[in-house]
């Protein structure tokens, strides 16, 4: 009989695992619970025990493959159903009936999905071998067992009571819950599928014996056992990695380990820009447009990219080509409650300073409300991130995948600065440019950054650029 083994949930809630190494090969005969492979999740490498005894007919994945939970991993030839064990010659009819029922139940559960990794697989022919041993031991042993199961978990156990040989099967959250309550899982009756102990089983046992959470148990020596400031559940917060944050993380890792990043810095006197912004804000006709340093920097970037097309290019590895864009889809990094998003302003090179300011404000408001269309976060050619709004002077931004450059704007600070041969208080900020060194060399990156800085230093220079 051929039986498939599907990759189970490894107790981490993770959707997939990587095959690190196979410890068996096709044609090998394996025993129940024999380790057949090592698999790696996002958290650890674990051993994978065999849920069946039989012959390996097919390995459905190779070492290094990533396999989704629920996918067929191994196929077995079980060689037919296992024959029931013969009953002892002295067995009573009632015992024979019980043994036959347990054998039939084991054969039915043999077709079920294998148990979670790390908790063993139920031996075929008996779901709970210790029960049979207790029943065969007679009324006295059964009475002792009942007393033991009703006792607190740390009670001294009679030597004549047989302890289960098999490790109690449960999931990590259930084991943690039992540990918090101070419950010994070997004393808990399992009601879950294939003999797995559930949270409800632990709760029922704890209620029956009056178990007290470990964190609330009285300490005999306070000096030796300091109080916890919070229960284990309150000391940590777990947030699933999904949605925007998961996408951003994947994109940043892909970019960081694909494009060779180089970051160059330049500190510039932007007093003329801040004075220009102040004068524009004082103009009643422009007050509603909210023109700021970000808008001026965006205009400077668009002007500079026209003279440094390498910063507005893309490395197409699949096609073996460098794609140079003749337009600017300017990405604006926006911090939101759901994570960082970088929607872009289409054809930003066509917009005036006022139009750029309006576009940036609309883009940021839409992003914070969580209503940015997915299409607006695709197709960017260059990005700007403003870390200065958080009081940060500089950083080393990571490129968005498919872009050659990203500019970080630092905080504008009033500080002593050399101006016209004298020391004066000036508005100063630091620019940080990260670029893909496959597309842009140090000279090109530096010249681009200087051109942007020159516009911020003297906004009137923008009148000379086209």
Protein backbone atom coordinates (compact mmCIF):
# COMPACT_ATOMS: atom_id res chain seq x y z
CA UNK A 1 0.00 0.00 0.00
CA UNK A 2 1.40 3.42 -0.99
CA UNK A 3 1.08 6.18 1.61
CA UNK A 4 2.03 9.84 1.08
CA UNK A 5 3.53 11.97 3.86
CA UNK A 6 2.73 15.68 3.57
CA UNK A 7 4.88 18.33 5.21
CA UNK A 8 3.06 19.21 8.43
CA UNK A 9 2.88 22.52 10.26
CA UNK A 10 6.17 22.55 12.15
CA UNK A 11 4.60 24.18 15.16
CA UNK A 12 5.75 27.67 14.16
CA UNK A 13 2.76 28.71 12.07
CA UNK A 14 5.11 29.06 9.10
CA UNK A 15 3.84 28.31 5.59
CA UNK A 16 6.97 26.59 4.28
CA UNK A 17 10.29 24.98 5.11
CA UNK A 18 13.55 24.31 3.30
CA UNK A 19 14.96 20.81 2.95
CA UNK A 20 18.47 21.04 4.43
CA UNK A 21 19.46 17.40 3.97
CA UNK A 22 17.87 14.01 3.34
CA UNK A 23 19.01 11.26 5.70
CA UNK A 24 17.34 8.53 3.63
CA UNK A 25 17.17 7.66 -0.05
CA UNK A 26 14.59 6.11 -2.34
CA UNK A 27 14.48 2.36 -1.75
CA UNK A 28 15.53 2.61 1.91
CA UNK A 29 13.50 0.82 4.56
CA UNK A 30 12.76 3.05 7.53
CA UNK A 31 11.37 2.46 10.99
CA UNK A 32 8.65 4.41 12.75
CA UNK A 33 9.98 7.74 14.12
CA UNK A 34 13.33 7.32 12.34
CA UNK A 35 14.75 10.72 11.34
CA UNK A 36 14.43 11.00 7.58
CA UNK A 37 15.41 14.63 6.94
CA UNK A 38 16.54 17.92 8.38
CA UNK A 39 14.36 20.89 7.47
CA UNK A 40 14.86 24.58 8.15
CA UNK A 41 12.13 27.06 8.94
CA UNK A 42 12.64 30.78 9.39
CA UNK A 43 13.53 30.07 13.02
CA UNK A 44 15.46 26.80 13.32
CA UNK A 45 16.64 23.54 11.80
CA UNK A 46 14.56 20.59 13.02
CA UNK A 47 14.68 16.85 12.48
CA UNK A 48 11.76 15.29 10.64
CA UNK A 49 10.70 11.88 12.03
CA UNK A 50 9.08 9.24 9.85
CA UNK A 51 5.36 8.85 10.58
CA UNK A 52 5.35 5.34 9.04
CA UNK A 53 7.42 2.17 8.92
CA UNK A 54 8.01 1.02 5.37
CA UNK A 55 10.02 1.51 2.21
CA UNK A 56 10.73 4.95 0.69
CA UNK A 57 9.39 4.89 -2.88
CA UNK A 58 9.82 8.56 -3.79
CA UNK A 59 11.32 11.75 -2.38
CA UNK A 60 9.25 14.61 -3.80
CA UNK A 61 11.79 17.39 -3.05
CA UNK A 62 15.55 17.78 -3.22
CA UNK A 63 17.92 19.28 -0.67
CA UNK A 64 17.68 23.05 -0.96
CA UNK A 65 14.07 23.05 -2.14
CA UNK A 66 11.49 25.13 -0.29
CA UNK A 67 8.35 23.08 0.35
CA UNK A 68 4.96 24.49 1.32
CA UNK A 69 3.15 23.06 4.32
CA UNK A 70 0.68 20.43 3.08
CA UNK A 71 2.73 19.46 0.03
CA UNK A 72 3.62 15.80 -0.48
CA UNK A 73 7.14 15.21 0.81
CA UNK A 74 7.69 11.43 0.84
CA UNK A 75 5.84 8.39 -0.52
CA UNK A 76 6.01 5.06 1.34
CA UNK A 77 5.27 1.46 0.47
CA UNK A 78 3.76 0.19 3.71
CA UNK A 79 3.55 -3.36 2.40
CA UNK A 80 -0.07 -3.89 3.39
CA UNK A 81 -1.91 -3.37 6.65
CA UNK A 82 -0.18 -4.52 9.78
CA UNK A 83 -1.58 -7.71 11.26
CA UNK A 84 -3.18 -7.43 14.72
CA UNK A 85 -1.14 -8.67 17.62
CA UNK A 86 -2.17 -12.10 18.95
CA UNK A 87 -3.93 -11.96 22.29
CA UNK A 88 -2.36 -13.75 25.28
CA UNK A 89 -3.65 -17.27 25.90
CA UNK A 90 -5.04 -16.23 29.25
CA UNK A 91 -6.82 -13.15 27.96
CA UNK A 92 -10.45 -12.87 28.84
CA UNK A 93 -13.08 -12.38 26.11
CA UNK A 94 -13.55 -8.80 27.23
CA UNK A 95 -9.82 -8.12 26.86
CA UNK A 96 -9.80 -9.67 23.38
CA UNK A 97 -12.67 -7.43 22.36
CA UNK A 98 -10.85 -4.34 23.69
CA UNK A 99 -7.65 -5.28 21.87
CA UNK A 100 -9.55 -5.82 18.60
CA UNK A 101 -11.24 -2.42 18.92
CA UNK A 102 -7.89 -0.69 19.57
CA UNK A 103 -6.32 -2.43 16.56
CA UNK A 104 -9.20 -1.35 14.29
CA UNK A 105 -8.95 2.20 15.59
CA UNK A 106 -5.19 2.27 14.93
CA UNK A 107 -5.72 1.04 11.37
CA UNK A 108 -8.24 3.83 10.76
CA UNK A 109 -5.93 6.53 12.14
CA UNK A 110 -3.00 5.19 10.12
CA UNK A 111 -4.50 6.90 7.08
CA UNK A 112 -4.68 10.28 8.87
CA UNK A 113 -2.15 13.04 8.44
CA UNK A 114 1.12 12.50 10.33
CA UNK A 115 1.65 14.11 13.69
CA UNK A 116 3.44 17.43 14.09
CA UNK A 117 7.20 17.29 13.75
CA UNK A 118 9.07 16.67 16.97
CA UNK A 119 6.31 14.98 18.92
CA UNK A 120 6.63 11.46 17.64
CA UNK A 121 4.16 9.34 15.69
CA UNK A 122 1.61 7.05 17.26
CA UNK A 123 2.68 3.37 17.04
CA UNK A 124 0.36 1.42 14.78
CA UNK A 125 -1.90 -0.94 16.64
CA UNK A 126 -2.37 1.16 19.77
CA UNK A 127 -3.22 4.81 20.19
CA UNK A 128 -2.42 4.82 23.93
CA UNK A 129 -0.30 1.79 24.84
CA UNK A 130 -0.17 2.81 28.51
CA UNK A 131 -3.94 2.42 28.84
CA UNK A 132 -3.77 -1.25 27.85
CA UNK A 133 -0.98 -1.87 30.36
CA UNK A 134 -2.96 -0.25 33.14
CA UNK A 135 -6.08 -2.22 32.33
CA UNK A 136 -4.11 -5.47 32.25
CA UNK A 137 -2.54 -4.67 35.62
CA UNK A 138 -5.88 -5.05 37.35
CA UNK A 139 -8.16 -2.93 39.58
CA UNK A 140 -5.39 -1.97 42.02
CA UNK A 141 -3.20 -0.41 39.35
CA UNK A 142 -6.17 1.35 37.80
CA UNK A 143 -7.02 2.82 41.20
CA UNK A 144 -3.45 4.05 41.71
CA UNK A 145 -3.51 5.62 38.25
CA UNK A 146 -6.74 7.46 39.00
CA UNK A 147 -5.24 8.84 42.21
CA UNK A 148 -2.09 9.93 40.37
CA UNK A 149 -3.99 11.75 37.62
CA UNK A 150 -6.07 13.62 40.17
CA UNK A 151 -2.99 14.67 42.17
CA UNK A 152 -1.01 17.87 41.63
CA UNK A 153 1.66 17.65 38.96
CA UNK A 154 4.53 17.55 41.46
CA UNK A 155 3.13 14.72 43.57
CA UNK A 156 5.44 11.75 44.21
CA UNK A 157 4.44 9.06 41.76
CA UNK A 158 4.13 5.44 42.92
CA UNK A 159 6.83 3.27 41.46
CA UNK A 160 4.33 0.61 40.41
CA UNK A 161 2.43 3.00 38.12
CA UNK A 162 3.70 2.73 34.56
CA UNK A 163 4.75 6.03 33.05
CA UNK A 164 4.02 6.56 29.36
CA UNK A 165 6.97 5.67 27.22
CA UNK A 166 5.89 7.98 24.42
CA UNK A 167 6.53 11.73 24.76
CA UNK A 168 3.20 13.59 25.15
CA UNK A 169 2.25 15.08 21.82
CA UNK A 170 1.14 18.71 21.66
CA UNK A 171 1.94 21.96 19.90
CA UNK A 172 4.43 24.57 21.21
CA UNK A 173 1.67 27.01 22.29
CA UNK A 174 -0.02 24.25 24.30
CA UNK A 175 3.28 23.25 25.92
CA UNK A 176 3.92 26.88 26.85
CA UNK A 177 0.40 27.19 28.27
CA UNK A 178 0.90 24.03 30.34
CA UNK A 179 4.25 25.31 31.60
CA UNK A 180 2.64 28.57 32.69
CA UNK A 181 0.03 26.65 34.66
CA UNK A 182 2.60 24.25 36.09
CA UNK A 183 0.90 21.24 34.49
CA UNK A 184 2.80 18.06 33.62
CA UNK A 185 1.61 17.02 30.16
CA UNK A 186 2.33 13.36 30.90
CA UNK A 187 -0.65 13.42 33.28
CA UNK A 188 -3.07 15.06 30.86
CA UNK A 189 -5.61 12.96 28.95
CA UNK A 190 -5.48 13.78 25.23
CA UNK A 191 -8.68 14.24 23.25
CA UNK A 192 -7.19 15.68 20.07
CA UNK A 193 -6.77 13.85 16.78
CA UNK A 194 -4.12 11.12 16.87
CA UNK A 195 -3.59 11.56 20.59
CA UNK A 196 -2.53 15.23 20.49
CA UNK A 197 -3.05 17.16 23.73
CA UNK A 198 -5.09 20.33 23.16
CA UNK A 199 -5.36 23.55 25.14
CA UNK A 200 -8.81 22.46 26.31
CA UNK A 201 -7.29 19.26 27.71
CA UNK A 202 -4.78 21.29 29.73
CA UNK A 203 -7.48 23.65 30.99
CA UNK A 204 -9.70 20.74 32.04
CA UNK A 205 -6.86 19.06 33.94
CA UNK A 206 -5.78 22.31 35.60
CA UNK A 207 -9.33 23.00 36.75
CA UNK A 208 -9.66 19.47 38.11
CA UNK A 209 -6.47 19.56 40.19
CA UNK A 210 -6.53 23.27 41.00
CA UNK A 211 -3.29 24.14 39.24
CA UNK A 212 -1.95 27.63 39.85
CA UNK A 213 -0.13 29.67 37.18
CA UNK A 214 3.61 29.61 37.76
CA UNK A 215 3.82 33.41 37.84
CA UNK A 216 1.29 33.55 40.74
CA UNK A 217 2.66 30.69 42.90
CA UNK A 218 3.87 31.91 46.30
CA UNK A 219 7.65 32.05 46.47
CA UNK A 220 9.23 30.51 49.57
CA UNK A 221 12.20 32.88 49.35
CA UNK A 222 11.39 36.25 47.74
CA UNK A 223 15.08 37.12 47.71
CA UNK A 224 15.85 34.06 45.63
CA UNK A 225 12.87 34.38 43.27
CA UNK A 226 12.28 38.00 42.19
CA UNK A 227 8.80 38.91 41.06
CA UNK A 228 8.11 39.32 37.37
CA UNK A 229 6.91 42.75 36.35
CA UNK A 230 4.33 41.09 34.11
CA UNK A 231 2.99 37.67 33.22
CA UNK A 232 4.80 35.83 30.38
CA UNK A 233 2.01 36.78 27.98
CA UNK A 234 2.39 40.48 28.84
CA UNK A 235 6.19 40.60 28.57
CA UNK A 236 6.22 40.23 24.80
CA UNK A 237 4.05 41.22 21.86
CA UNK A 238 4.03 39.13 18.70
CA UNK A 239 2.93 40.67 15.42
CA UNK A 240 2.61 38.51 12.30
CA UNK A 241 4.91 39.57 9.46
CA UNK A 242 2.49 40.26 6.68
CA UNK A 243 1.11 42.92 4.37
CA UNK A 244 3.11 46.09 3.78
CA UNK A 245 5.85 45.30 6.27
CA UNK A 246 6.46 41.85 4.82
CA UNK A 247 6.55 43.22 1.28
CA UNK A 248 8.90 46.05 2.30
CA UNK A 249 11.23 43.66 4.11
CA UNK A 250 11.42 41.32 1.13
CA UNK A 251 12.06 44.22 -1.26
CA UNK A 252 14.77 45.76 0.92
CA UNK A 253 16.57 42.45 1.44
CA UNK A 254 16.41 41.75 -2.29
CA UNK A 255 17.79 45.21 -3.07
CA UNK A 256 20.50 45.17 -0.40
CA UNK A 257 21.91 41.86 -1.57
CA UNK A 258 21.48 42.44 -5.31
CA UNK A 259 22.63 45.99 -6.02
CA UNK A 260 26.09 47.04 -4.74
CA UNK A 261 25.20 50.08 -2.64
CA UNK A 262 27.42 53.14 -2.28
CA UNK A 263 26.44 56.14 -0.16
CA UNK A 264 27.99 59.59 -0.39
CA UNK A 265 27.27 62.61 1.84
CA UNK A 266 27.29 66.37 1.39
CA UNK A 267 26.44 69.04 3.95
CA UNK A 268 25.06 72.21 2.40
CA UNK A 269 23.98 75.69 3.46
CA UNK A 270 20.27 75.88 2.53
CA UNK A 271 19.54 79.29 4.04
CA UNK A 272 18.52 80.68 0.65
CA UNK A 273 16.04 77.84 0.22
CA UNK A 274 14.47 78.34 3.66
CA UNK A 275 14.18 82.07 2.95
CA UNK A 276 12.51 81.30 -0.38
CA UNK A 277 10.05 78.97 1.33
CA UNK A 278 9.26 81.61 3.96
CA UNK A 279 8.54 84.18 1.25
CA UNK A 280 6.27 81.74 -0.63
CA UNK A 281 4.34 80.96 2.54
CA UNK A 282 3.79 84.66 3.04
CA UNK A 283 2.18 84.90 -0.40
CA UNK A 284 -1.57 84.54 0.07
CA UNK A 285 -1.95 83.03 -3.37
CA UNK A 286 0.41 80.16 -2.42
CA UNK A 287 -0.42 79.56 1.24
CA UNK A 288 -2.64 76.54 0.59
CA UNK A 289 0.05 74.74 -1.41
CA UNK A 290 2.34 73.94 1.57
CA UNK A 291 5.64 74.37 -0.25
CA UNK A 292 8.56 73.03 1.84
CA UNK A 293 12.11 71.77 1.60
CA UNK A 294 10.89 68.44 0.25
CA UNK A 295 9.27 70.08 -2.76
CA UNK A 296 12.37 72.16 -3.52
CA UNK A 297 14.57 69.06 -3.23
CA UNK A 298 12.23 67.15 -5.54
CA UNK A 299 12.51 69.91 -8.14
CA UNK A 300 16.30 69.91 -7.77
CA UNK A 301 16.42 66.13 -8.26
CA UNK A 302 14.32 66.30 -11.43
CA UNK A 303 16.58 68.99 -12.87
CA UNK A 304 19.78 67.12 -11.94
CA UNK A 305 18.58 63.78 -13.35
CA UNK A 306 18.32 65.36 -16.80
CA UNK A 307 22.11 65.84 -16.70
CA UNK A 308 22.95 62.53 -15.00
CA UNK A 309 20.82 59.83 -16.70
CA UNK A 310 22.76 57.05 -14.99
CA UNK A 311 20.91 57.88 -11.77
CA UNK A 312 17.62 57.44 -13.64
CA UNK A 313 18.41 54.01 -15.06
CA UNK A 314 17.62 50.39 -14.37
CA UNK A 315 19.81 47.28 -14.44
CA UNK A 316 17.86 44.61 -16.33
CA UNK A 317 19.72 41.44 -15.42
CA UNK A 318 17.33 39.12 -17.27
CA UNK A 319 17.73 40.98 -20.56
CA UNK A 320 21.38 41.83 -20.01
CA UNK A 321 20.66 45.51 -20.62
CA UNK A 322 20.81 48.91 -18.94
CA UNK A 323 17.49 50.70 -19.34
CA UNK A 324 17.75 54.48 -19.30
CA UNK A 325 14.51 56.32 -18.53
CA UNK A 326 13.68 59.60 -20.26
CA UNK A 327 11.08 60.49 -17.64
CA UNK A 328 11.13 60.70 -13.83
CA UNK A 329 8.69 58.71 -11.73
CA UNK A 330 9.76 60.21 -8.42
CA UNK A 331 9.24 57.95 -5.40
CA UNK A 332 8.46 59.65 -2.08
CA UNK A 333 9.02 57.50 1.01
CA UNK A 334 6.08 57.79 3.40
CA UNK A 335 5.99 56.35 6.92
CA UNK A 336 2.58 54.91 7.79
CA UNK A 337 1.12 52.87 10.60
CA UNK A 338 1.29 49.82 8.35
CA UNK A 339 4.94 50.31 7.45
CA UNK A 340 7.01 52.22 4.90
CA UNK A 341 5.56 52.72 1.43
CA UNK A 342 7.13 54.50 -1.54
CA UNK A 343 4.49 55.62 -4.03
CA UNK A 344 5.75 57.69 -6.93
CA UNK A 345 4.78 60.87 -8.76
CA UNK A 346 4.43 60.09 -12.45
CA UNK A 347 6.36 62.31 -14.88
CA UNK A 348 7.58 64.52 -12.05
CA UNK A 349 9.95 66.28 -14.44
CA UNK A 350 6.94 67.97 -16.07
CA UNK A 351 5.66 69.56 -12.83
CA UNK A 352 6.35 73.01 -11.44
CA UNK A 353 7.47 73.60 -7.85
CA UNK A 354 3.88 74.29 -6.77
CA UNK A 355 2.57 71.22 -8.56
CA UNK A 356 5.26 69.05 -6.97
CA UNK A 357 4.34 70.37 -3.51
CA UNK A 358 0.67 69.52 -4.11
CA UNK A 359 1.53 66.08 -5.48
CA UNK A 360 3.76 65.28 -2.48
CA UNK A 361 1.09 66.32 0.01
CA UNK A 362 -1.63 64.31 -1.76
CA UNK A 363 0.63 61.30 -2.04
CA UNK A 364 1.52 61.39 1.68
CA UNK A 365 -2.09 61.83 2.81
CA UNK A 366 -3.24 58.95 0.63
CA UNK A 367 -0.45 56.71 1.91
CA UNK A 368 -1.21 57.40 5.57
CA UNK A 369 -4.87 56.61 5.01
CA UNK A 370 -3.89 53.27 3.51
CA UNK A 371 -5.57 54.01 0.17
CA UNK A 372 -2.53 54.13 -2.12
CA UNK A 373 -3.31 52.11 -5.28
CA UNK A 374 -0.77 49.30 -5.87
CA UNK A 375 -0.05 50.77 -9.32
CA UNK A 376 1.26 53.96 -7.68
CA UNK A 377 3.96 51.98 -5.88
CA UNK A 378 5.30 50.42 -9.06
CA UNK A 379 7.48 51.80 -11.81
CA UNK A 380 9.49 54.33 -9.81
CA UNK A 381 12.79 55.50 -11.31
CA UNK A 382 14.33 57.49 -8.41
CA UNK A 383 13.30 58.09 -4.78
CA UNK A 384 13.59 60.66 -2.00
CA UNK A 385 13.27 59.97 1.72
CA UNK A 386 13.09 62.77 4.28
CA UNK A 387 14.64 61.53 7.52
CA UNK A 388 15.02 65.12 8.68
CA UNK A 389 11.38 65.22 9.81
CA UNK A 390 12.42 62.83 12.60
CA UNK A 391 15.33 65.03 13.67
CA UNK A 392 17.92 62.81 11.98
CA UNK A 393 20.91 64.41 10.28
CA UNK A 394 21.79 61.67 7.79
CA UNK A 395 21.44 58.00 6.94
CA UNK A 396 22.33 55.37 4.37
CA UNK A 397 19.06 54.64 2.55
CA UNK A 398 18.53 51.35 0.73
CA UNK A 399 17.56 51.49 -2.93
CA UNK A 400 14.11 50.51 -4.04
CA UNK A 401 14.42 47.45 -6.30
CA UNK A 402 14.86 48.49 -9.91
CA UNK A 403 16.07 52.01 -9.12
CA UNK A 404 19.61 53.37 -9.40
CA UNK A 405 19.47 56.06 -6.71
CA UNK A 406 17.75 57.33 -3.58
CA UNK A 407 18.37 60.67 -1.82
CA UNK A 408 17.94 61.12 1.94
CA UNK A 409 17.27 64.64 3.27
CA UNK A 410 18.58 65.35 6.76
CA UNK A 411 17.23 67.80 9.32
CA UNK A 412 17.67 71.54 8.66
CA UNK A 413 19.64 72.93 11.60
CA UNK A 414 20.54 76.51 12.53
CA UNK A 415 24.26 76.44 13.29
CA UNK A 416 27.52 78.40 12.89
CA UNK A 417 28.76 78.22 9.30
CA UNK A 418 31.32 79.98 7.15
CA UNK A 419 29.53 82.53 4.97
CA UNK A 420 31.30 85.11 2.80
CA UNK A 421 34.52 84.83 4.79
CA UNK A 422 32.86 85.15 8.18
CA UNK A 423 31.15 82.88 10.73
CA UNK A 424 27.39 83.28 10.78
CA UNK A 425 24.33 81.34 11.88
CA UNK A 426 23.01 79.55 8.80
CA UNK A 427 20.45 76.85 7.96
CA UNK A 428 22.42 73.72 7.19
CA UNK A 429 21.37 70.21 6.15
CA UNK A 430 23.11 66.99 5.09
CA UNK A 431 22.25 65.13 1.90
CA UNK A 432 22.95 61.39 1.58
CA UNK A 433 22.84 59.74 -1.84
CA UNK A 434 22.83 55.94 -2.19
CA UNK A 435 23.33 54.58 -5.69
CA UNK A 436 23.80 51.31 -7.56
CA UNK A 437 27.52 51.07 -8.35
CA UNK A 438 26.77 48.85 -11.34
CA UNK A 439 25.09 51.80 -13.03
CA UNK A 440 26.79 54.80 -11.44
CA UNK A 441 30.43 55.30 -10.51
CA UNK A 442 31.71 57.58 -7.77
CA UNK A 443 32.28 60.55 -10.05
CA UNK A 444 28.77 60.47 -11.50
CA UNK A 445 27.17 60.08 -8.09
CA UNK A 446 29.19 62.92 -6.61
CA UNK A 447 28.47 65.32 -9.50
CA UNK A 448 24.76 64.57 -9.28
CA UNK A 449 24.75 65.25 -5.52
CA UNK A 450 26.62 68.53 -6.01
CA UNK A 451 24.09 69.66 -8.64
CA UNK A 452 21.20 68.96 -6.25
CA UNK A 453 23.04 70.76 -3.45
CA UNK A 454 23.70 73.79 -5.66
CA UNK A 455 19.99 74.25 -6.30
CA UNK A 456 19.29 74.03 -2.56
CA UNK A 457 22.17 76.41 -1.83
CA UNK A 458 21.04 78.91 -4.46
CA UNK A 459 17.48 78.20 -5.70
CA UNK A 460 17.97 80.85 -8.41
CA UNK A 461 20.32 78.41 -10.19
CA UNK A 462 17.24 76.43 -11.16
CA UNK A 463 16.52 79.19 -13.66
CA UNK A 464 19.74 78.20 -15.47
CA UNK A 465 18.87 74.50 -15.79
CA UNK A 466 16.56 72.84 -18.22
